[in-house]
Amino acid sequence: MQNQGIIISSKHKNQLMKEFKTSKQSVLMSLRYVFNSEQAKAIRNRAKELLLQEVEKIENQNQ
């Protein structure tokens, strides 16, 4: 199975576009590990943070 990169919702992709003041294409290419610039690494790290926040929300709802 081929690695598809980091998969996030369109809501989070739009948030990353605004936070990093970049295009949707740049966000997508960064999440797919096509781009490996410092900004791309920062986008991936922020995407991971957003995913962890979603996990926390789900865990809190299940308690």
C-alpha atoms as a PDB file:
ATOM      1  CA  MET A   1       0.000   0.000   0.000  1.00  0.00           C
ATOM      2  CA  GLN A   2       1.373   3.376  -1.004  1.00  0.00           C
ATOM      3  CA  ASN A   3       1.680   6.128   1.592  1.00  0.00           C
ATOM      4  CA  GLN A   4      -0.875   8.838   0.833  1.00  0.00           C
ATOM      5  CA  GLY A   5       0.608  11.254   3.311  1.00  0.00           C
ATOM      6  CA  ILE A   6      -1.386  12.970   6.020  1.00  0.00           C
ATOM      7  CA  ILE A   7      -5.133  12.854   5.421  1.00  0.00           C
ATOM      8  CA  ILE A   8      -7.157  15.652   7.011  1.00  0.00           C
ATOM      9  CA  SER A   9     -10.559  17.237   6.468  1.00  0.00           C
ATOM     10  CA  SER A  10     -11.106  20.128   4.066  1.00  0.00           C
ATOM     11  CA  LYS A  11     -11.889  22.300   7.103  1.00  0.00           C
ATOM     12  CA  HIS A  12      -8.360  21.726   8.370  1.00  0.00           C
ATOM     13  CA  LYS A  13      -6.826  22.193   4.920  1.00  0.00           C
ATOM     14  CA  ASN A  14      -8.516  25.582   4.682  1.00  0.00           C
ATOM     15  CA  GLN A  15      -7.270  26.445   8.158  1.00  0.00           C
ATOM     16  CA  LEU A  16      -3.706  25.549   7.132  1.00  0.00           C
ATOM     17  CA  MET A  17      -4.034  27.696   3.996  1.00  0.00           C
ATOM     18  CA  LYS A  18      -4.994  30.689   6.129  1.00  0.00           C
ATOM     19  CA  GLU A  19      -2.415  30.072   8.862  1.00  0.00           C
ATOM     20  CA  PHE A  20       0.470  29.673   6.417  1.00  0.00           C
ATOM     21  CA  LYS A  21      -0.842  32.172   3.840  1.00  0.00           C
ATOM     22  CA  THR A  22      -0.380  29.685   1.028  1.00  0.00           C
ATOM     23  CA  SER A  23      -2.406  27.962  -1.682  1.00  0.00           C
ATOM     24  CA  LYS A  24      -4.432  24.791  -1.334  1.00  0.00           C
ATOM     25  CA  GLN A  25      -2.046  23.137  -3.801  1.00  0.00           C
ATOM     26  CA  SER A  26       0.915  23.891  -1.529  1.00  0.00           C
ATOM     27  CA  VAL A  27      -0.922  22.446   1.455  1.00  0.00           C
ATOM     28  CA  LEU A  28      -1.859  19.294  -0.473  1.00  0.00           C
ATOM     29  CA  MET A  29       1.655  18.772  -1.827  1.00  0.00           C
ATOM     30  CA  SER A  30       3.106  19.299   1.640  1.00  0.00           C
ATOM     31  CA  LEU A  31       0.717  16.786   3.193  1.00  0.00           C
ATOM     32  CA  ARG A  32       1.614  14.253   0.486  1.00  0.00           C
ATOM     33  CA  TYR A  33       5.346  14.744   1.178  1.00  0.00           C
ATOM     34  CA  VAL A  34       5.966  16.032  -2.361  1.00  0.00           C
ATOM     35  CA  PHE A  35       7.289  19.311  -0.946  1.00  0.00           C
ATOM     36  CA  ASN A  36       9.919  19.117   1.779  1.00  0.00           C
ATOM     37  CA  SER A  37      10.708  22.779   2.467  1.00  0.00           C
ATOM     38  CA  GLU A  38      10.714  24.227   5.975  1.00  0.00           C
ATOM     39  CA  GLN A  39       7.184  25.504   5.357  1.00  0.00           C
ATOM     40  CA  ALA A  40       6.060  22.056   4.190  1.00  0.00           C
ATOM     41  CA  LYS A  41       7.472  20.510   7.363  1.00  0.00           C
ATOM     42  CA  ALA A  42       5.682  23.151   9.445  1.00  0.00           C
ATOM     43  CA  ILE A  43       2.412  22.451   7.609  1.00  0.00           C
ATOM     44  CA  ARG A  44       2.745  18.723   8.334  1.00  0.00           C
ATOM     45  CA  ASN A  45       3.510  19.372  11.998  1.00  0.00           C
ATOM     46  CA  ARG A  46       0.516  21.678  12.324  1.00  0.00           C
ATOM     47  CA  ALA A  47      -1.707  19.110  10.572  1.00  0.00           C
ATOM     48  CA  LYS A  48      -0.614  16.521  13.127  1.00  0.00           C
ATOM     49  CA  GLU A  49      -1.459  18.949  15.940  1.00  0.00           C
ATOM     50  CA  LEU A  50      -4.924  19.486  14.471  1.00  0.00           C
ATOM     51  CA  LEU A  51      -5.474  15.729  14.247  1.00  0.00           C
ATOM     52  CA  LEU A  52      -4.412  15.276  17.868  1.00  0.00           C
ATOM     53  CA  GLN A  53      -6.903  17.979  18.890  1.00  0.00           C
ATOM     54  CA  GLU A  54      -9.637  16.028  17.094  1.00  0.00           C
ATOM     55  CA  VAL A  55      -8.630  12.857  18.935  1.00  0.00           C
ATOM     56  CA  GLU A  56      -8.828  14.687  22.270  1.00  0.00           C
ATOM     57  CA  LYS A  57     -12.324  15.945  21.420  1.00  0.00           C
ATOM     58  CA  ILE A  58     -13.464  12.415  20.624  1.00  0.00           C
ATOM     59  CA  GLU A  59     -11.910  10.992  23.788  1.00  0.00           C
ATOM     60  CA  ASN A  60     -13.571  13.694  25.901  1.00  0.00           C
ATOM     61  CA  GLN A  61     -16.955  12.944  24.331  1.00  0.00           C
ATOM     62  CA  ASN A  62     -16.584   9.245  25.120  1.00  0.00           C
ATOM     63  CA  GLN A  63     -15.942   9.795  28.819  1.00  0.00           C
END
